[in-house]
Amino acid sequence: MVITSPTLFARSRGPDRFWKRRRILALSAHFYGRKQNCFRVAIRSVHRALSFSTKARALKKRDMRILWNTRINAGCEEFGLNFDRMKIVLDDTGVALDRKVLQNLAIWEPRSFRALAMLTRAKEAEQGLNSLQGPPPGVVTRGML
């Protein structure tokens, strides 16, 4: 496109306006009533729908994380464990499994999850996390002062 003067530049803005309207009306094609056909009404509805879809992506991530935590906690309760402690022990032993994988193991492969739970129990007993009755030797706490 060759533009040789400001007048021709101003006249060349027509197609851009067409495609802008076309994009908005294409996004509003599944709406009902005037929101589908009238540009002025459609643009408000499309912006509103796009903002809701942006928020929904974050809500979906949050909902999935809550669901995964619930499933993992249910699997841990079956073996008398706490998920927070289990995650710490698994990280210390070098088992790098995220929440999604752990919940899949808890639901679909209970034997594998049981093996992880037994590994957690063994490492906890080895580290002595449950057997601490007082501070380790050489540590001074506020209660001692």
N, C-alpha and C. Protein backbone atom coordinates (compact mmCIF):
# COMPACT_ATOMS: atom_id res chain seq x y z
N MET A 1 0.85 -1.17 0.00
CA MET A 1 0.00 0.00 0.00
C MET A 1 0.90 1.23 0.00
N VAL A 2 0.70 2.10 -0.95
CA VAL A 2 1.49 3.32 -1.10
C VAL A 2 0.67 4.49 -0.62
N ILE A 3 1.19 5.21 0.36
CA ILE A 3 0.50 6.39 0.89
C ILE A 3 1.40 7.59 0.60
N THR A 4 0.89 8.52 -0.21
CA THR A 4 1.72 9.66 -0.60
C THR A 4 1.32 10.96 0.08
N SER A 5 0.17 10.99 0.75
CA SER A 5 -0.25 12.23 1.40
C SER A 5 -1.08 11.92 2.63
N PRO A 6 -1.22 12.88 3.56
CA PRO A 6 -2.06 12.65 4.74
C PRO A 6 -3.52 12.37 4.39
N THR A 7 -3.98 12.94 3.30
CA THR A 7 -5.37 12.71 2.88
C THR A 7 -5.58 11.25 2.50
N LEU A 8 -4.64 10.72 1.73
CA LEU A 8 -4.75 9.32 1.34
C LEU A 8 -4.57 8.40 2.56
N PHE A 9 -3.74 8.83 3.52
CA PHE A 9 -3.57 8.03 4.74
C PHE A 9 -4.89 7.95 5.51
N ALA A 10 -5.59 9.07 5.60
CA ALA A 10 -6.87 9.09 6.32
C ALA A 10 -7.90 8.23 5.60
N ARG A 11 -7.85 8.22 4.27
CA ARG A 11 -8.82 7.43 3.51
C ARG A 11 -8.51 5.94 3.58
N SER A 12 -7.27 5.57 3.92
CA SER A 12 -6.90 4.15 3.88
C SER A 12 -7.31 3.40 5.15
N ARG A 13 -8.03 4.05 6.07
CA ARG A 13 -8.36 3.41 7.32
C ARG A 13 -9.65 2.59 7.24
N GLY A 14 -10.29 2.56 6.12
CA GLY A 14 -11.56 1.85 5.98
C GLY A 14 -11.47 0.35 6.21
N PRO A 15 -10.57 -0.36 5.56
CA PRO A 15 -10.51 -1.80 5.74
C PRO A 15 -10.19 -2.22 7.18
N ASP A 16 -9.37 -1.40 7.88
CA ASP A 16 -9.06 -1.75 9.25
C ASP A 16 -10.33 -1.73 10.10
N ARG A 17 -11.18 -0.74 9.86
CA ARG A 17 -12.44 -0.65 10.60
C ARG A 17 -13.30 -1.86 10.30
N PHE A 18 -13.34 -2.29 9.06
CA PHE A 18 -14.14 -3.47 8.70
C PHE A 18 -13.66 -4.70 9.45
N TRP A 19 -12.35 -4.93 9.48
CA TRP A 19 -11.84 -6.15 10.10
C TRP A 19 -11.95 -6.10 11.62
N LYS A 20 -11.87 -4.90 12.19
CA LYS A 20 -12.07 -4.77 13.64
C LYS A 20 -13.50 -5.16 14.00
N ARG A 21 -14.47 -4.63 13.23
CA ARG A 21 -15.87 -4.99 13.48
C ARG A 21 -16.09 -6.47 13.22
N ARG A 22 -15.46 -6.97 12.20
CA ARG A 22 -15.63 -8.39 11.83
C ARG A 22 -15.14 -9.29 12.96
N ARG A 23 -13.99 -8.92 13.55
CA ARG A 23 -13.44 -9.74 14.65
C ARG A 23 -14.38 -9.75 15.85
N ILE A 24 -14.92 -8.59 16.21
CA ILE A 24 -15.84 -8.52 17.35
C ILE A 24 -17.11 -9.31 17.07
N LEU A 25 -17.66 -9.16 15.89
CA LEU A 25 -18.90 -9.88 15.56
C LEU A 25 -18.66 -11.39 15.44
N ALA A 26 -17.46 -11.78 15.05
CA ALA A 26 -17.15 -13.21 15.01
C ALA A 26 -17.07 -13.78 16.43
N LEU A 27 -16.52 -12.99 17.36
CA LEU A 27 -16.44 -13.46 18.74
C LEU A 27 -17.82 -13.50 19.41
N SER A 28 -18.76 -12.69 18.89
CA SER A 28 -20.10 -12.66 19.49
C SER A 28 -21.08 -13.55 18.73
N ALA A 29 -20.60 -14.40 17.85
CA ALA A 29 -21.50 -15.19 16.99
C ALA A 29 -22.37 -16.16 17.78
N HIS A 30 -21.94 -16.59 18.93
CA HIS A 30 -22.73 -17.57 19.70
C HIS A 30 -23.64 -16.92 20.74
N PHE A 31 -23.66 -15.58 20.80
CA PHE A 31 -24.54 -14.89 21.73
C PHE A 31 -25.97 -14.87 21.20
N TYR A 32 -26.93 -14.50 22.05
CA TYR A 32 -28.33 -14.42 21.64
C TYR A 32 -28.76 -12.96 21.50
N GLY A 33 -29.68 -12.71 20.60
CA GLY A 33 -30.30 -11.39 20.48
C GLY A 33 -29.39 -10.34 19.89
N ARG A 34 -29.56 -9.10 20.37
CA ARG A 34 -28.80 -7.97 19.84
C ARG A 34 -27.32 -8.09 20.14
N LYS A 35 -26.96 -8.83 21.17
CA LYS A 35 -25.54 -9.01 21.51
C LYS A 35 -24.79 -9.71 20.38
N GLN A 36 -25.53 -10.38 19.53
CA GLN A 36 -24.90 -11.12 18.43
C GLN A 36 -24.69 -10.25 17.19
N ASN A 37 -25.63 -9.35 16.92
CA ASN A 37 -25.63 -8.65 15.64
C ASN A 37 -25.25 -7.18 15.72
N CYS A 38 -25.66 -6.48 16.76
CA CYS A 38 -25.40 -5.04 16.86
C CYS A 38 -24.00 -4.81 17.40
N PHE A 39 -23.20 -4.06 16.66
CA PHE A 39 -21.79 -3.90 17.04
C PHE A 39 -21.64 -3.23 18.38
N ARG A 40 -22.41 -2.17 18.63
CA ARG A 40 -22.26 -1.42 19.87
C ARG A 40 -22.57 -2.29 21.09
N VAL A 41 -23.57 -3.12 20.97
CA VAL A 41 -23.94 -4.02 22.08
C VAL A 41 -22.97 -5.20 22.12
N ALA A 42 -22.58 -5.67 20.95
CA ALA A 42 -21.70 -6.85 20.89
C ALA A 42 -20.33 -6.57 21.48
N ILE A 43 -19.82 -5.36 21.27
CA ILE A 43 -18.47 -5.07 21.76
C ILE A 43 -18.43 -5.11 23.28
N ARG A 44 -19.49 -4.61 23.94
CA ARG A 44 -19.54 -4.69 25.40
C ARG A 44 -19.62 -6.13 25.89
N SER A 45 -20.43 -6.93 25.22
CA SER A 45 -20.60 -8.32 25.62
C SER A 45 -19.33 -9.13 25.40
N VAL A 46 -18.64 -8.85 24.30
CA VAL A 46 -17.40 -9.58 24.00
C VAL A 46 -16.31 -9.22 25.01
N HIS A 47 -16.18 -7.95 25.35
CA HIS A 47 -15.17 -7.56 26.34
C HIS A 47 -15.47 -8.19 27.69
N ARG A 48 -16.74 -8.22 28.04
CA ARG A 48 -17.14 -8.83 29.32
C ARG A 48 -16.83 -10.33 29.32
N ALA A 49 -17.17 -11.00 28.21
CA ALA A 49 -16.91 -12.44 28.11
C ALA A 49 -15.42 -12.74 28.15
N LEU A 50 -14.61 -11.90 27.49
CA LEU A 50 -13.17 -12.13 27.48
C LEU A 50 -12.57 -11.92 28.87
N SER A 51 -13.08 -10.95 29.61
CA SER A 51 -12.56 -10.75 30.97
C SER A 51 -12.95 -11.91 31.88
N PHE A 52 -14.17 -12.44 31.70
CA PHE A 52 -14.58 -13.61 32.49
C PHE A 52 -13.73 -14.82 32.15
N SER A 53 -13.40 -15.00 30.87
CA SER A 53 -12.60 -16.18 30.51
C SER A 53 -11.18 -16.06 31.05
N THR A 54 -10.66 -14.83 31.14
CA THR A 54 -9.34 -14.64 31.73
C THR A 54 -9.35 -15.02 33.21
N LYS A 55 -10.38 -14.57 33.93
CA LYS A 55 -10.49 -14.91 35.35
C LYS A 55 -10.73 -16.40 35.54
N ALA A 56 -11.46 -17.01 34.62
CA ALA A 56 -11.81 -18.43 34.76
C ALA A 56 -10.58 -19.32 34.64
N ARG A 57 -9.58 -18.89 33.87
CA ARG A 57 -8.37 -19.71 33.76
C ARG A 57 -7.65 -19.79 35.10
N ALA A 58 -7.59 -18.69 35.83
CA ALA A 58 -6.96 -18.71 37.16
C ALA A 58 -7.80 -19.51 38.14
N LEU A 59 -9.13 -19.39 38.06
CA LEU A 59 -10.00 -20.15 38.96
C LEU A 59 -9.90 -21.65 38.70
N LYS A 60 -9.74 -22.02 37.43
CA LYS A 60 -9.61 -23.44 37.10
C LYS A 60 -8.34 -24.02 37.72
N LYS A 61 -7.24 -23.26 37.65
CA LYS A 61 -5.99 -23.73 38.26
C LYS A 61 -6.15 -23.88 39.77
N ARG A 62 -6.84 -22.92 40.41
CA ARG A 62 -7.04 -22.98 41.85
C ARG A 62 -7.93 -24.17 42.22
N ASP A 63 -9.00 -24.39 41.46
CA ASP A 63 -9.90 -25.50 41.74
C ASP A 63 -9.20 -26.85 41.58
N MET A 64 -8.38 -26.97 40.55
CA MET A 64 -7.67 -28.23 40.35
C MET A 64 -6.68 -28.49 41.48
N ARG A 65 -6.00 -27.45 41.94
CA ARG A 65 -5.05 -27.61 43.04
C ARG A 65 -5.76 -28.05 44.32
N ILE A 66 -6.92 -27.46 44.59
CA ILE A 66 -7.70 -27.85 45.77
C ILE A 66 -8.15 -29.30 45.64
N LEU A 67 -8.61 -29.69 44.46
CA LEU A 67 -9.04 -31.07 44.24
C LEU A 67 -7.89 -32.05 44.42
N TRP A 68 -6.72 -31.71 43.86
CA TRP A 68 -5.56 -32.59 44.02
C TRP A 68 -5.17 -32.73 45.48
N ASN A 69 -5.16 -31.61 46.22
CA ASN A 69 -4.80 -31.68 47.64
C ASN A 69 -5.79 -32.55 48.41
N THR A 70 -7.07 -32.44 48.10
CA THR A 70 -8.08 -33.25 48.77
C THR A 70 -7.86 -34.73 48.51
N ARG A 71 -7.58 -35.08 47.27
CA ARG A 71 -7.37 -36.49 46.93
C ARG A 71 -6.10 -37.04 47.57
N ILE A 72 -5.05 -36.24 47.60
CA ILE A 72 -3.79 -36.70 48.20
C ILE A 72 -3.96 -36.85 49.71
N ASN A 73 -4.65 -35.89 50.35
CA ASN A 73 -4.89 -36.00 51.79
C ASN A 73 -5.71 -37.23 52.12
N ALA A 74 -6.70 -37.56 51.27
CA ALA A 74 -7.49 -38.77 51.51
C ALA A 74 -6.61 -40.01 51.41
N GLY A 75 -5.70 -40.03 50.43
CA GLY A 75 -4.79 -41.17 50.30
C GLY A 75 -3.82 -41.26 51.47
N CYS A 76 -3.38 -40.10 51.96
CA CYS A 76 -2.45 -40.10 53.10
C CYS A 76 -3.14 -40.53 54.38
N GLU A 77 -4.39 -40.12 54.59
CA GLU A 77 -5.13 -40.52 55.79
C GLU A 77 -5.32 -42.02 55.85
N GLU A 78 -5.39 -42.64 54.70
CA GLU A 78 -5.55 -44.09 54.65
C GLU A 78 -4.36 -44.80 55.31
N PHE A 79 -3.19 -44.16 55.24
CA PHE A 79 -1.99 -44.76 55.82
C PHE A 79 -1.53 -44.02 57.07
N GLY A 80 -2.36 -43.12 57.58
CA GLY A 80 -2.03 -42.42 58.81
C GLY A 80 -0.92 -41.40 58.66
N LEU A 81 -0.85 -40.77 57.51
CA LEU A 81 0.20 -39.77 57.25
C LEU A 81 -0.42 -38.40 57.06
N ASN A 82 0.43 -37.40 57.10
CA ASN A 82 0.05 -36.03 56.80
C ASN A 82 0.72 -35.67 55.47
N PHE A 83 -0.04 -35.04 54.57
CA PHE A 83 0.51 -34.76 53.24
C PHE A 83 1.69 -33.79 53.31
N ASP A 84 1.61 -32.80 54.21
CA ASP A 84 2.71 -31.84 54.30
C ASP A 84 4.02 -32.53 54.69
N ARG A 85 3.94 -33.40 55.68
CA ARG A 85 5.15 -34.13 56.08
C ARG A 85 5.60 -35.08 54.98
N MET A 86 4.64 -35.71 54.31
CA MET A 86 4.98 -36.63 53.23
C MET A 86 5.72 -35.89 52.12
N LYS A 87 5.25 -34.71 51.76
CA LYS A 87 5.88 -33.93 50.70
C LYS A 87 7.31 -33.53 51.09
N ILE A 88 7.50 -33.14 52.36
CA ILE A 88 8.84 -32.75 52.83
C ILE A 88 9.79 -33.93 52.77
N VAL A 89 9.33 -35.10 53.24
CA VAL A 89 10.20 -36.29 53.25
C VAL A 89 10.51 -36.74 51.84
N LEU A 90 9.50 -36.72 50.95
CA LEU A 90 9.76 -37.13 49.56
C LEU A 90 10.74 -36.17 48.88
N ASP A 91 10.64 -34.89 49.17
CA ASP A 91 11.59 -33.93 48.59
C ASP A 91 13.00 -34.19 49.12
N ASP A 92 13.10 -34.50 50.43
CA ASP A 92 14.42 -34.76 51.01
C ASP A 92 15.06 -36.03 50.43
N THR A 93 14.24 -37.02 50.11
CA THR A 93 14.78 -38.27 49.57
C THR A 93 15.02 -38.21 48.07
N GLY A 94 14.62 -37.12 47.43
CA GLY A 94 14.89 -36.98 46.00
C GLY A 94 13.77 -37.49 45.12
N VAL A 95 12.60 -37.75 45.67
CA VAL A 95 11.45 -38.18 44.87
C VAL A 95 10.71 -36.91 44.45
N ALA A 96 10.83 -36.55 43.19
CA ALA A 96 10.25 -35.29 42.70
C ALA A 96 8.95 -35.59 41.96
N LEU A 97 7.85 -35.64 42.70
CA LEU A 97 6.53 -35.85 42.12
C LEU A 97 5.65 -34.67 42.49
N ASP A 98 4.96 -34.12 41.50
CA ASP A 98 4.09 -32.99 41.79
C ASP A 98 2.71 -33.48 42.25
N ARG A 99 1.85 -32.53 42.57
CA ARG A 99 0.54 -32.87 43.13
C ARG A 99 -0.31 -33.67 42.15
N LYS A 100 -0.24 -33.32 40.88
CA LYS A 100 -1.07 -34.02 39.89
C LYS A 100 -0.69 -35.49 39.80
N VAL A 101 0.60 -35.77 39.80
CA VAL A 101 1.05 -37.16 39.70
C VAL A 101 0.71 -37.91 40.99
N LEU A 102 0.90 -37.26 42.14
CA LEU A 102 0.59 -37.92 43.41
C LEU A 102 -0.89 -38.26 43.52
N GLN A 103 -1.77 -37.37 43.07
CA GLN A 103 -3.19 -37.68 43.16
C GLN A 103 -3.57 -38.78 42.19
N ASN A 104 -2.93 -38.83 41.02
CA ASN A 104 -3.18 -39.94 40.10
C ASN A 104 -2.74 -41.26 40.71
N LEU A 105 -1.60 -41.25 41.38
CA LEU A 105 -1.15 -42.48 42.05
C LEU A 105 -2.11 -42.88 43.16
N ALA A 106 -2.59 -41.91 43.93
CA ALA A 106 -3.49 -42.20 45.03
C ALA A 106 -4.81 -42.81 44.54
N ILE A 107 -5.27 -42.39 43.37
CA ILE A 107 -6.55 -42.88 42.88
C ILE A 107 -6.40 -44.14 42.06
N TRP A 108 -5.51 -44.12 41.08
CA TRP A 108 -5.45 -45.20 40.10
C TRP A 108 -4.40 -46.25 40.39
N GLU A 109 -3.40 -45.95 41.17
CA GLU A 109 -2.37 -46.93 41.49
C GLU A 109 -2.12 -46.94 43.00
N PRO A 110 -3.04 -47.54 43.76
CA PRO A 110 -2.90 -47.49 45.22
C PRO A 110 -1.67 -48.23 45.73
N ARG A 111 -1.22 -49.24 45.02
CA ARG A 111 -0.02 -49.96 45.47
C ARG A 111 1.23 -49.07 45.37
N SER A 112 1.33 -48.32 44.31
CA SER A 112 2.46 -47.39 44.17
C SER A 112 2.40 -46.31 45.23
N PHE A 113 1.19 -45.81 45.50
CA PHE A 113 1.04 -44.79 46.53
C PHE A 113 1.36 -45.37 47.91
N ARG A 114 0.98 -46.63 48.13
CA ARG A 114 1.31 -47.29 49.39
C ARG A 114 2.82 -47.41 49.54
N ALA A 115 3.51 -47.71 48.44
CA ALA A 115 4.97 -47.80 48.49
C ALA A 115 5.59 -46.44 48.86
N LEU A 116 5.04 -45.36 48.31
CA LEU A 116 5.53 -44.03 48.68
C LEU A 116 5.24 -43.72 50.14
N ALA A 117 4.07 -44.15 50.62
CA ALA A 117 3.72 -43.93 52.02
C ALA A 117 4.66 -44.71 52.94
N MET A 118 4.97 -45.94 52.57
CA MET A 118 5.89 -46.74 53.39
C MET A 118 7.31 -46.14 53.35
N LEU A 119 7.69 -45.64 52.20
CA LEU A 119 8.98 -44.97 52.10
C LEU A 119 9.02 -43.75 53.01
N THR A 120 7.93 -43.00 53.02
CA THR A 120 7.84 -41.83 53.90
C THR A 120 7.94 -42.23 55.35
N ARG A 121 7.21 -43.29 55.73
CA ARG A 121 7.27 -43.77 57.12
C ARG A 121 8.68 -44.19 57.51
N ALA A 122 9.35 -44.92 56.62
CA ALA A 122 10.70 -45.40 56.92
C ALA A 122 11.67 -44.23 57.07
N LYS A 123 11.58 -43.26 56.17
CA LYS A 123 12.48 -42.11 56.25
C LYS A 123 12.19 -41.25 57.47
N GLU A 124 10.92 -41.14 57.86
CA GLU A 124 10.58 -40.37 59.06
C GLU A 124 11.16 -41.05 60.29
N ALA A 125 11.05 -42.37 60.36
CA ALA A 125 11.59 -43.08 61.51
C ALA A 125 13.12 -42.98 61.53
N GLU A 126 13.71 -43.02 60.34
CA GLU A 126 15.16 -42.92 60.24
C GLU A 126 15.65 -41.53 60.66
N GLN A 127 14.92 -40.51 60.24
CA GLN A 127 15.31 -39.15 60.59
C GLN A 127 14.90 -38.79 62.01
N GLY A 128 13.96 -39.55 62.55
CA GLY A 128 13.53 -39.30 63.91
C GLY A 128 12.60 -38.11 64.04
N LEU A 129 11.82 -37.83 63.01
CA LEU A 129 10.93 -36.67 63.07
C LEU A 129 9.81 -36.87 64.09
N ASN A 130 9.37 -38.09 64.27
CA ASN A 130 8.26 -38.33 65.20
C ASN A 130 8.75 -38.62 66.61
N SER A 131 10.02 -38.87 66.80
CA SER A 131 10.50 -39.30 68.10
C SER A 131 11.18 -38.19 68.88
N LEU A 132 11.07 -36.95 68.44
CA LEU A 132 11.71 -35.85 69.15
C LEU A 132 10.87 -35.49 70.39
N GLN A 133 11.39 -35.79 71.56
CA GLN A 133 10.71 -35.43 72.79
C GLN A 133 11.18 -34.07 73.30
N GLY A 134 12.34 -33.68 72.94
CA GLY A 134 12.89 -32.40 73.33
C GLY A 134 13.83 -31.94 72.25
N PRO A 135 14.51 -30.85 72.50
CA PRO A 135 15.45 -30.39 71.48
C PRO A 135 16.65 -31.32 71.37
N PRO A 136 17.26 -31.40 70.21
CA PRO A 136 18.45 -32.23 70.06
C PRO A 136 19.57 -31.71 70.95
N PRO A 137 20.53 -32.55 71.28
CA PRO A 137 21.62 -32.09 72.14
C PRO A 137 22.41 -30.96 71.49
N GLY A 138 22.76 -29.97 72.31
CA GLY A 138 23.53 -28.85 71.81
C GLY A 138 22.69 -27.69 71.35
N VAL A 139 21.35 -27.81 71.42
CA VAL A 139 20.46 -26.74 71.00
C VAL A 139 19.86 -26.09 72.23
N VAL A 140 19.93 -24.79 72.31
CA VAL A 140 19.38 -24.04 73.43
C VAL A 140 18.10 -23.38 72.96
N THR A 141 17.01 -23.62 73.69
CA THR A 141 15.73 -23.02 73.36
C THR A 141 15.34 -21.99 74.42
N ARG A 142 14.28 -21.27 74.18
CA ARG A 142 13.81 -20.25 75.14
C ARG A 142 13.38 -20.87 76.45
N GLY A 143 12.78 -22.06 76.37
CA GLY A 143 12.32 -22.71 77.57
C GLY A 143 13.45 -23.09 78.52
N MET A 144 14.66 -23.24 78.01
CA MET A 144 15.79 -23.61 78.85
C MET A 144 16.33 -22.43 79.61
N LEU A 145 16.08 -21.23 79.15
CA LEU A 145 16.64 -20.04 79.78
C LEU A 145 15.90 -19.63 81.02
